[in-house]
Amino acid sequence: MATNNPAQAPPPRPQADAALKRLTAFVGTWNKKGQAHDGPFGLAAKVTAVETFEWLPGGLFLVHRLEGRLGDMEIACIEVIGYDAASRVYSVHSFYNDGNTNLWQARERGGVWVFTGDWTVKGETLKVRCTASFDDAGNTMTARWEYSRDGKKWRLFWDTTLTRVKATGQSRRSRHAP
């Protein structure tokens, strides 16, 4: 006796949380210019880079790529940004061209984004935060990177301005955005 085994329907596709849609502010290609200041991360130097943000096909994660220079040194990183609705926290998994990795958390309030995490430099773990805000109808982003040894007293180590040069940033293979 033959048994019928109908094909099972695929599980429902997760839907993007409304908070995930806030990341759309970053989508596009940006020119970054700024200044690194003397401190535990290195000597003062000019910062120039191109940053891109695009949705991974499916629209549930944002992929960020940075390629540029810090003075004479090449800098690059790739990040994957997602949102956990239960904790209401954006997680940022970062991978750098010098072999380092980091896990950041981000929160958004009133259009201002604050990214926080720990960064180990020369055996010392520092608290790091980046405060990013948008101006010029969302086409200019300022980002101030600060560090602290105690979580109370903060010192600036990067001060940058990003200018949007291209508004598209969705995956070349998919136009799905949340």
N, C-alpha and C. Protein backbone atom coordinates (compact mmCIF):
# COMPACT_ATOMS: atom_id res chain seq x y z
N MET A 1 0.84 -1.16 0.00
CA MET A 1 0.00 0.00 0.00
C MET A 1 0.89 1.23 0.00
N ALA A 2 0.68 2.11 -0.93
CA ALA A 2 1.47 3.33 -1.04
C ALA A 2 0.94 4.38 -0.08
N THR A 3 1.85 5.12 0.51
CA THR A 3 1.44 6.22 1.39
C THR A 3 1.68 7.54 0.68
N ASN A 4 0.77 8.40 0.87
CA ASN A 4 0.92 9.75 0.32
C ASN A 4 1.68 10.59 1.32
N ASN A 5 2.71 11.25 0.85
CA ASN A 5 3.49 12.13 1.70
C ASN A 5 3.51 13.51 1.04
N PRO A 6 2.45 14.29 1.25
CA PRO A 6 2.42 15.58 0.58
C PRO A 6 3.57 16.46 1.05
N ALA A 7 4.06 17.25 0.13
CA ALA A 7 5.16 18.16 0.46
C ALA A 7 4.70 19.12 1.55
N GLN A 8 5.54 19.28 2.51
CA GLN A 8 5.19 20.20 3.59
C GLN A 8 5.46 21.63 3.14
N ALA A 9 4.61 22.52 3.57
CA ALA A 9 4.81 23.93 3.26
C ALA A 9 6.00 24.43 4.06
N PRO A 10 6.79 25.31 3.48
CA PRO A 10 7.93 25.84 4.23
C PRO A 10 7.43 26.64 5.44
N PRO A 11 8.24 26.72 6.48
CA PRO A 11 7.83 27.50 7.64
C PRO A 11 7.65 28.96 7.24
N PRO A 12 6.80 29.67 7.96
CA PRO A 12 6.59 31.08 7.60
C PRO A 12 7.89 31.86 7.75
N ARG A 13 8.11 32.76 6.83
CA ARG A 13 9.30 33.61 6.84
C ARG A 13 9.18 34.65 7.94
N PRO A 14 10.22 34.82 8.77
CA PRO A 14 10.14 35.85 9.82
C PRO A 14 9.90 37.22 9.19
N GLN A 15 9.15 38.02 9.88
CA GLN A 15 8.87 39.37 9.42
C GLN A 15 9.78 40.35 10.15
N ALA A 16 10.18 41.39 9.46
CA ALA A 16 11.04 42.41 10.06
C ALA A 16 10.25 43.17 11.12
N ASP A 17 10.86 43.34 12.27
CA ASP A 17 10.27 44.13 13.34
C ASP A 17 10.27 45.60 12.91
N ALA A 18 9.29 46.36 13.35
CA ALA A 18 9.22 47.78 13.00
C ALA A 18 10.50 48.51 13.41
N ALA A 19 11.11 48.11 14.52
CA ALA A 19 12.35 48.77 14.96
C ALA A 19 13.48 48.52 13.98
N LEU A 20 13.48 47.37 13.33
CA LEU A 20 14.51 47.06 12.35
C LEU A 20 14.48 48.07 11.21
N LYS A 21 13.31 48.54 10.87
CA LYS A 21 13.16 49.51 9.78
C LYS A 21 13.90 50.83 10.06
N ARG A 22 14.14 51.12 11.32
CA ARG A 22 14.88 52.36 11.66
C ARG A 22 16.30 52.35 11.09
N LEU A 23 16.84 51.17 10.88
CA LEU A 23 18.19 51.07 10.31
C LEU A 23 18.25 51.59 8.87
N THR A 24 17.11 51.76 8.23
CA THR A 24 17.07 52.27 6.86
C THR A 24 17.75 53.64 6.77
N ALA A 25 17.82 54.37 7.87
CA ALA A 25 18.50 55.67 7.88
C ALA A 25 19.95 55.54 7.42
N PHE A 26 20.56 54.39 7.64
CA PHE A 26 21.97 54.18 7.29
C PHE A 26 22.17 53.73 5.84
N VAL A 27 21.13 53.19 5.22
CA VAL A 27 21.26 52.54 3.91
C VAL A 27 21.80 53.52 2.87
N GLY A 28 22.83 53.08 2.15
CA GLY A 28 23.42 53.87 1.09
C GLY A 28 24.93 53.81 1.13
N THR A 29 25.54 54.67 0.33
CA THR A 29 26.99 54.79 0.27
C THR A 29 27.36 56.16 0.83
N TRP A 30 28.37 56.18 1.68
CA TRP A 30 28.76 57.39 2.41
C TRP A 30 30.26 57.63 2.25
N ASN A 31 30.65 58.90 2.09
CA ASN A 31 32.05 59.30 2.18
C ASN A 31 32.30 59.77 3.61
N LYS A 32 33.34 59.23 4.21
CA LYS A 32 33.67 59.55 5.61
C LYS A 32 34.95 60.36 5.65
N LYS A 33 34.94 61.45 6.41
CA LYS A 33 36.13 62.25 6.65
C LYS A 33 36.14 62.63 8.12
N GLY A 34 37.34 62.69 8.67
CA GLY A 34 37.40 63.07 10.06
C GLY A 34 38.81 63.02 10.61
N GLN A 35 38.85 62.98 11.94
CA GLN A 35 40.11 63.06 12.65
C GLN A 35 40.14 62.03 13.76
N ALA A 36 41.24 61.28 13.82
CA ALA A 36 41.53 60.43 14.97
C ALA A 36 42.42 61.25 15.90
N HIS A 37 42.20 61.11 17.19
CA HIS A 37 42.96 61.87 18.19
C HIS A 37 43.92 60.94 18.93
N ASP A 38 45.02 61.50 19.42
CA ASP A 38 45.99 60.73 20.20
C ASP A 38 45.29 60.01 21.35
N GLY A 39 45.68 58.79 21.58
CA GLY A 39 45.11 58.03 22.69
C GLY A 39 45.52 56.57 22.58
N PRO A 40 44.85 55.72 23.35
CA PRO A 40 45.23 54.31 23.37
C PRO A 40 45.03 53.60 22.03
N PHE A 41 44.24 54.17 21.14
CA PHE A 41 43.99 53.55 19.82
C PHE A 41 45.03 53.96 18.79
N GLY A 42 45.90 54.90 19.15
CA GLY A 42 46.95 55.32 18.22
C GLY A 42 47.14 56.82 18.22
N LEU A 43 47.98 57.26 17.29
CA LEU A 43 48.31 58.68 17.17
C LEU A 43 47.26 59.41 16.35
N ALA A 44 47.26 60.72 16.47
CA ALA A 44 46.35 61.55 15.69
C ALA A 44 46.60 61.33 14.20
N ALA A 45 45.53 61.27 13.43
CA ALA A 45 45.65 61.06 11.99
C ALA A 45 44.33 61.42 11.32
N LYS A 46 44.40 61.71 10.05
CA LYS A 46 43.19 61.94 9.25
C LYS A 46 42.51 60.60 8.99
N VAL A 47 41.18 60.63 8.95
CA VAL A 47 40.37 59.46 8.64
C VAL A 47 39.64 59.74 7.33
N THR A 48 39.78 58.85 6.35
CA THR A 48 39.00 58.94 5.12
C THR A 48 38.55 57.52 4.79
N ALA A 49 37.30 57.40 4.37
CA ALA A 49 36.78 56.06 4.06
C ALA A 49 35.50 56.18 3.25
N VAL A 50 35.14 55.07 2.66
CA VAL A 50 33.83 54.90 2.04
C VAL A 50 33.12 53.82 2.84
N GLU A 51 31.88 54.11 3.21
CA GLU A 51 31.08 53.14 3.96
C GLU A 51 29.83 52.84 3.16
N THR A 52 29.44 51.58 3.14
CA THR A 52 28.19 51.19 2.49
C THR A 52 27.36 50.39 3.49
N PHE A 53 26.07 50.60 3.40
CA PHE A 53 25.09 49.87 4.20
C PHE A 53 24.04 49.35 3.23
N GLU A 54 23.79 48.04 3.29
CA GLU A 54 22.76 47.46 2.42
C GLU A 54 22.08 46.31 3.15
N TRP A 55 20.81 46.10 2.80
CA TRP A 55 20.06 45.00 3.38
C TRP A 55 20.51 43.67 2.80
N LEU A 56 20.72 42.70 3.67
CA LEU A 56 20.94 41.34 3.24
C LEU A 56 19.62 40.86 2.62
N PRO A 57 19.67 40.07 1.53
CA PRO A 57 18.41 39.59 0.96
C PRO A 57 17.51 39.01 2.06
N GLY A 58 16.27 39.39 2.05
CA GLY A 58 15.32 39.01 3.08
C GLY A 58 14.99 40.17 4.00
N GLY A 59 15.88 41.16 4.07
CA GLY A 59 15.61 42.37 4.83
C GLY A 59 15.64 42.23 6.33
N LEU A 60 16.28 41.20 6.88
CA LEU A 60 16.32 41.02 8.33
C LEU A 60 17.65 41.43 8.95
N PHE A 61 18.67 41.67 8.12
CA PHE A 61 19.98 42.10 8.61
C PHE A 61 20.52 43.18 7.68
N LEU A 62 21.22 44.13 8.27
CA LEU A 62 21.89 45.18 7.50
C LEU A 62 23.38 44.86 7.48
N VAL A 63 23.99 44.92 6.29
CA VAL A 63 25.41 44.65 6.14
C VAL A 63 26.12 45.99 5.93
N HIS A 64 27.13 46.24 6.75
CA HIS A 64 27.91 47.49 6.70
C HIS A 64 29.35 47.14 6.32
N ARG A 65 29.88 47.91 5.41
CA ARG A 65 31.26 47.71 4.97
C ARG A 65 31.98 49.06 5.01
N LEU A 66 33.19 49.08 5.57
CA LEU A 66 34.04 50.27 5.62
C LEU A 66 35.37 49.93 4.97
N GLU A 67 35.82 50.82 4.07
CA GLU A 67 37.15 50.68 3.48
C GLU A 67 37.75 52.08 3.40
N GLY A 68 38.95 52.23 3.95
CA GLY A 68 39.56 53.56 3.93
C GLY A 68 40.96 53.58 4.49
N ARG A 69 41.30 54.77 5.03
CA ARG A 69 42.64 54.99 5.55
C ARG A 69 42.55 55.76 6.87
N LEU A 70 43.46 55.40 7.75
CA LEU A 70 43.70 56.12 8.98
C LEU A 70 45.14 56.57 8.89
N GLY A 71 45.32 57.83 8.46
CA GLY A 71 46.66 58.29 8.14
C GLY A 71 47.18 57.49 6.96
N ASP A 72 48.32 56.82 7.13
CA ASP A 72 48.90 55.98 6.06
C ASP A 72 48.46 54.52 6.14
N MET A 73 47.67 54.18 7.15
CA MET A 73 47.29 52.79 7.37
C MET A 73 45.93 52.47 6.73
N GLU A 74 45.88 51.31 6.07
CA GLU A 74 44.61 50.85 5.51
C GLU A 74 43.70 50.36 6.63
N ILE A 75 42.42 50.75 6.58
CA ILE A 75 41.43 50.26 7.54
C ILE A 75 40.26 49.66 6.77
N ALA A 76 39.69 48.61 7.32
CA ALA A 76 38.52 47.99 6.70
C ALA A 76 37.78 47.18 7.75
N CYS A 77 36.48 47.10 7.58
CA CYS A 77 35.69 46.21 8.42
C CYS A 77 34.41 45.87 7.70
N ILE A 78 33.81 44.78 8.16
CA ILE A 78 32.49 44.40 7.71
C ILE A 78 31.68 44.10 8.96
N GLU A 79 30.42 44.52 8.96
CA GLU A 79 29.55 44.31 10.11
C GLU A 79 28.20 43.76 9.64
N VAL A 80 27.60 42.98 10.51
CA VAL A 80 26.25 42.51 10.29
C VAL A 80 25.42 43.01 11.47
N ILE A 81 24.34 43.73 11.16
CA ILE A 81 23.53 44.39 12.18
C ILE A 81 22.12 43.78 12.15
N GLY A 82 21.66 43.36 13.31
CA GLY A 82 20.32 42.80 13.44
C GLY A 82 19.60 43.41 14.62
N TYR A 83 18.39 42.96 14.86
CA TYR A 83 17.58 43.50 15.95
C TYR A 83 16.94 42.36 16.72
N ASP A 84 17.04 42.41 18.05
CA ASP A 84 16.39 41.44 18.92
C ASP A 84 15.20 42.11 19.59
N ALA A 85 14.00 41.75 19.14
CA ALA A 85 12.79 42.40 19.65
C ALA A 85 12.60 42.14 21.15
N ALA A 86 13.00 40.97 21.64
CA ALA A 86 12.81 40.65 23.06
C ALA A 86 13.60 41.60 23.97
N SER A 87 14.86 41.90 23.60
CA SER A 87 15.69 42.78 24.43
C SER A 87 15.66 44.23 23.96
N ARG A 88 15.06 44.45 22.78
CA ARG A 88 15.00 45.78 22.15
C ARG A 88 16.39 46.35 21.92
N VAL A 89 17.30 45.49 21.51
CA VAL A 89 18.69 45.89 21.27
C VAL A 89 19.09 45.47 19.86
N TYR A 90 19.81 46.35 19.21
CA TYR A 90 20.42 46.04 17.92
C TYR A 90 21.79 45.43 18.21
N SER A 91 22.08 44.30 17.61
CA SER A 91 23.40 43.69 17.79
C SER A 91 24.22 43.95 16.53
N VAL A 92 25.49 44.26 16.74
CA VAL A 92 26.40 44.57 15.65
C VAL A 92 27.61 43.66 15.79
N HIS A 93 27.79 42.76 14.83
CA HIS A 93 28.94 41.85 14.81
C HIS A 93 29.96 42.41 13.83
N SER A 94 31.14 42.79 14.33
CA SER A 94 32.15 43.47 13.52
C SER A 94 33.38 42.60 13.33
N PHE A 95 33.93 42.67 12.11
CA PHE A 95 35.14 41.93 11.75
C PHE A 95 36.08 42.91 11.05
N TYR A 96 37.30 43.06 11.58
CA TYR A 96 38.24 44.08 11.10
C TYR A 96 39.39 43.45 10.32
N ASN A 97 39.98 44.24 9.44
CA ASN A 97 41.08 43.74 8.61
C ASN A 97 42.35 43.45 9.41
N ASP A 98 42.42 43.84 10.66
CA ASP A 98 43.60 43.51 11.48
C ASP A 98 43.40 42.22 12.27
N GLY A 99 42.27 41.53 12.02
CA GLY A 99 42.01 40.26 12.69
C GLY A 99 41.13 40.37 13.92
N ASN A 100 40.86 41.58 14.38
CA ASN A 100 40.01 41.75 15.56
C ASN A 100 38.54 41.57 15.18
N THR A 101 37.77 41.18 16.18
CA THR A 101 36.32 41.12 16.06
C THR A 101 35.72 41.80 17.28
N ASN A 102 34.49 42.23 17.14
CA ASN A 102 33.81 42.87 18.26
C ASN A 102 32.33 42.61 18.16
N LEU A 103 31.67 42.67 19.30
CA LEU A 103 30.22 42.61 19.37
C LEU A 103 29.76 43.88 20.06
N TRP A 104 28.99 44.67 19.33
CA TRP A 104 28.48 45.94 19.84
C TRP A 104 26.98 45.81 20.08
N GLN A 105 26.46 46.71 20.88
CA GLN A 105 25.03 46.87 21.03
C GLN A 105 24.69 48.29 20.62
N ALA A 106 23.54 48.46 20.01
CA ALA A 106 23.12 49.80 19.60
C ALA A 106 21.69 50.05 20.07
N ARG A 107 21.45 51.29 20.36
CA ARG A 107 20.09 51.74 20.71
C ARG A 107 19.85 53.05 19.97
N GLU A 108 18.59 53.25 19.64
CA GLU A 108 18.20 54.47 18.94
C GLU A 108 17.16 55.19 19.78
N ARG A 109 17.35 56.49 19.92
CA ARG A 109 16.38 57.31 20.64
C ARG A 109 16.30 58.66 19.95
N GLY A 110 15.14 58.96 19.42
CA GLY A 110 14.92 60.26 18.78
C GLY A 110 15.83 60.51 17.59
N GLY A 111 16.17 59.45 16.87
CA GLY A 111 17.02 59.60 15.70
C GLY A 111 18.51 59.62 15.99
N VAL A 112 18.89 59.53 17.26
CA VAL A 112 20.31 59.48 17.65
C VAL A 112 20.62 58.03 18.02
N TRP A 113 21.67 57.52 17.41
CA TRP A 113 22.10 56.15 17.63
C TRP A 113 23.31 56.13 18.54
N VAL A 114 23.32 55.21 19.51
CA VAL A 114 24.48 55.03 20.38
C VAL A 114 24.90 53.56 20.31
N PHE A 115 26.12 53.33 19.86
CA PHE A 115 26.72 52.01 19.75
C PHE A 115 27.69 51.86 20.92
N THR A 116 27.60 50.77 21.66
CA THR A 116 28.48 50.56 22.82
C THR A 116 29.09 49.17 22.78
N GLY A 117 30.26 49.06 23.37
CA GLY A 117 30.92 47.77 23.47
C GLY A 117 32.25 47.93 24.18
N ASP A 118 32.96 46.83 24.30
CA ASP A 118 34.30 46.83 24.89
C ASP A 118 35.31 46.60 23.79
N TRP A 119 36.50 47.18 23.96
CA TRP A 119 37.57 47.02 22.98
C TRP A 119 38.86 46.84 23.75
N THR A 120 39.57 45.75 23.46
CA THR A 120 40.84 45.50 24.14
C THR A 120 41.97 46.05 23.30
N VAL A 121 42.76 46.93 23.92
CA VAL A 121 43.90 47.57 23.27
C VAL A 121 45.11 47.38 24.17
N LYS A 122 46.13 46.73 23.62
CA LYS A 122 47.38 46.51 24.36
C LYS A 122 47.13 45.90 25.73
N GLY A 123 46.22 44.92 25.79
CA GLY A 123 45.94 44.21 27.03
C GLY A 123 44.95 44.91 27.95
N GLU A 124 44.51 46.10 27.62
CA GLU A 124 43.57 46.85 28.45
C GLU A 124 42.20 46.86 27.77
N THR A 125 41.15 46.51 28.51
CA THR A 125 39.80 46.55 27.97
C THR A 125 39.17 47.90 28.27
N LEU A 126 38.80 48.59 27.22
CA LEU A 126 38.19 49.91 27.33
C LEU A 126 36.73 49.84 26.93
N LYS A 127 35.91 50.67 27.55
CA LYS A 127 34.54 50.84 27.10
C LYS A 127 34.57 51.83 25.96
N VAL A 128 33.80 51.53 24.91
CA VAL A 128 33.77 52.40 23.73
C VAL A 128 32.32 52.68 23.39
N ARG A 129 32.07 53.92 22.96
CA ARG A 129 30.75 54.26 22.46
C ARG A 129 30.90 55.18 21.25
N CYS A 130 29.97 55.03 20.35
CA CYS A 130 29.88 55.89 19.18
C CYS A 130 28.47 56.49 19.18
N THR A 131 28.40 57.80 19.10
CA THR A 131 27.12 58.49 19.01
C THR A 131 27.00 59.04 17.60
N ALA A 132 25.96 58.57 16.89
CA ALA A 132 25.75 58.97 15.50
C ALA A 132 24.41 59.67 15.37
N SER A 133 24.43 60.80 14.68
CA SER A 133 23.19 61.53 14.44
C SER A 133 23.16 62.01 12.99
N PHE A 134 21.96 62.27 12.50
CA PHE A 134 21.74 62.64 11.10
C PHE A 134 21.27 64.07 10.99
N ASP A 135 21.74 64.77 9.94
CA ASP A 135 21.33 66.13 9.60
C ASP A 135 21.10 66.18 8.10
N ASP A 136 20.73 67.36 7.61
CA ASP A 136 20.61 67.58 6.17
C ASP A 136 19.68 66.55 5.52
N ALA A 137 18.46 66.43 6.08
CA ALA A 137 17.45 65.50 5.57
C ALA A 137 17.98 64.06 5.52
N GLY A 138 18.87 63.70 6.45
CA GLY A 138 19.39 62.35 6.52
C GLY A 138 20.60 62.09 5.65
N ASN A 139 21.12 63.13 4.99
CA ASN A 139 22.25 62.94 4.07
C ASN A 139 23.60 63.24 4.68
N THR A 140 23.63 63.67 5.92
CA THR A 140 24.88 63.90 6.65
C THR A 140 24.77 63.19 7.99
N MET A 141 25.80 62.46 8.34
CA MET A 141 25.85 61.76 9.61
C MET A 141 27.12 62.18 10.33
N THR A 142 26.99 62.58 11.59
CA THR A 142 28.17 62.84 12.40
C THR A 142 28.32 61.67 13.37
N ALA A 143 29.55 61.24 13.57
CA ALA A 143 29.82 60.12 14.47
C ALA A 143 31.00 60.48 15.36
N ARG A 144 30.76 60.45 16.65
CA ARG A 144 31.79 60.74 17.64
C ARG A 144 32.08 59.45 18.40
N TRP A 145 33.34 59.01 18.32
CA TRP A 145 33.79 57.80 19.00
C TRP A 145 34.54 58.19 20.26
N GLU A 146 34.13 57.62 21.40
CA GLU A 146 34.73 57.93 22.68
C GLU A 146 35.10 56.63 23.41
N TYR A 147 36.07 56.74 24.32
CA TYR A 147 36.44 55.60 25.14
C TYR A 147 36.46 56.02 26.60
N SER A 148 36.34 55.01 27.48
CA SER A 148 36.39 55.25 28.91
C SER A 148 37.03 54.06 29.59
N ARG A 149 37.78 54.34 30.61
CA ARG A 149 38.37 53.26 31.41
C ARG A 149 37.43 52.85 32.54
N ASP A 150 36.56 53.78 32.98
CA ASP A 150 35.69 53.50 34.11
C ASP A 150 34.20 53.60 33.79
N GLY A 151 33.84 53.94 32.57
CA GLY A 151 32.43 54.09 32.20
C GLY A 151 31.81 55.39 32.64
N LYS A 152 32.63 56.29 33.21
CA LYS A 152 32.12 57.58 33.69
C LYS A 152 32.76 58.75 32.95
N LYS A 153 34.06 58.72 32.83
CA LYS A 153 34.80 59.79 32.17
C LYS A 153 35.12 59.34 30.74
N TRP A 154 34.60 60.07 29.75
CA TRP A 154 34.75 59.69 28.35
C TRP A 154 35.68 60.64 27.63
N ARG A 155 36.51 60.08 26.72
CA ARG A 155 37.45 60.87 25.92
C ARG A 155 37.24 60.58 24.44
N LEU A 156 37.24 61.64 23.66
CA LEU A 156 37.05 61.53 22.21
C LEU A 156 38.29 60.92 21.57
N PHE A 157 38.10 59.93 20.67
CA PHE A 157 39.25 59.43 19.91
C PHE A 157 39.02 59.45 18.41
N TRP A 158 37.79 59.55 17.94
CA TRP A 158 37.49 59.74 16.51
C TRP A 158 36.34 60.71 16.42
N ASP A 159 36.44 61.64 15.49
CA ASP A 159 35.37 62.60 15.24
C ASP A 159 35.20 62.66 13.72
N THR A 160 34.08 62.15 13.21
CA THR A 160 33.93 62.02 11.77
C THR A 160 32.60 62.56 11.27
N THR A 161 32.58 62.92 10.00
CA THR A 161 31.36 63.32 9.30
C THR A 161 31.24 62.46 8.05
N LEU A 162 30.06 61.94 7.83
CA LEU A 162 29.79 61.12 6.65
C LEU A 162 28.76 61.83 5.79
N THR A 163 29.00 61.83 4.50
CA THR A 163 28.09 62.45 3.54
C THR A 163 27.58 61.38 2.60
N ARG A 164 26.25 61.28 2.51
CA ARG A 164 25.65 60.27 1.65
C ARG A 164 25.88 60.65 0.19
N VAL A 165 26.44 59.72 -0.59
CA VAL A 165 26.69 59.96 -2.00
C VAL A 165 25.78 59.12 -2.89
N LYS A 166 25.16 58.11 -2.30
CA LYS A 166 24.26 57.26 -3.07
C LYS A 166 23.23 56.71 -2.10
N ALA A 167 21.96 56.90 -2.41
CA ALA A 167 20.89 56.50 -1.50
C ALA A 167 20.59 55.01 -1.56
N THR A 168 20.91 54.36 -2.66
CA THR A 168 20.61 52.93 -2.72
C THR A 168 21.63 52.17 -1.92
N GLY A 169 21.23 51.09 -1.36
CA GLY A 169 22.15 50.29 -0.58
C GLY A 169 21.62 48.90 -0.39
N GLN A 170 20.59 48.56 -1.14
CA GLN A 170 20.05 47.22 -1.04
C GLN A 170 20.96 46.27 -1.78
N SER A 171 20.84 45.01 -1.44
CA SER A 171 21.65 44.00 -2.09
C SER A 171 21.47 44.06 -3.60
N ARG A 172 22.56 43.82 -4.31
CA ARG A 172 22.49 43.81 -5.77
C ARG A 172 21.59 42.69 -6.27
N ARG A 173 21.46 41.62 -5.48
CA ARG A 173 20.65 40.48 -5.90
C ARG A 173 19.21 40.57 -5.44
N SER A 174 18.93 41.38 -4.44
CA SER A 174 17.58 41.44 -3.91
C SER A 174 17.23 42.87 -3.54
N ARG A 175 16.02 43.21 -3.76
CA ARG A 175 15.55 44.55 -3.40
C ARG A 175 14.62 44.49 -2.19
N HIS A 176 14.76 43.42 -1.41
CA HIS A 176 13.92 43.30 -0.21
C HIS A 176 14.46 44.18 0.89
N ALA A 177 13.64 45.00 1.39
CA ALA A 177 13.98 45.80 2.55
C ALA A 177 12.82 45.68 3.52
N PRO A 178 13.08 45.81 4.79
CA PRO A 178 11.99 45.66 5.75
C PRO A 178 10.96 46.76 5.58
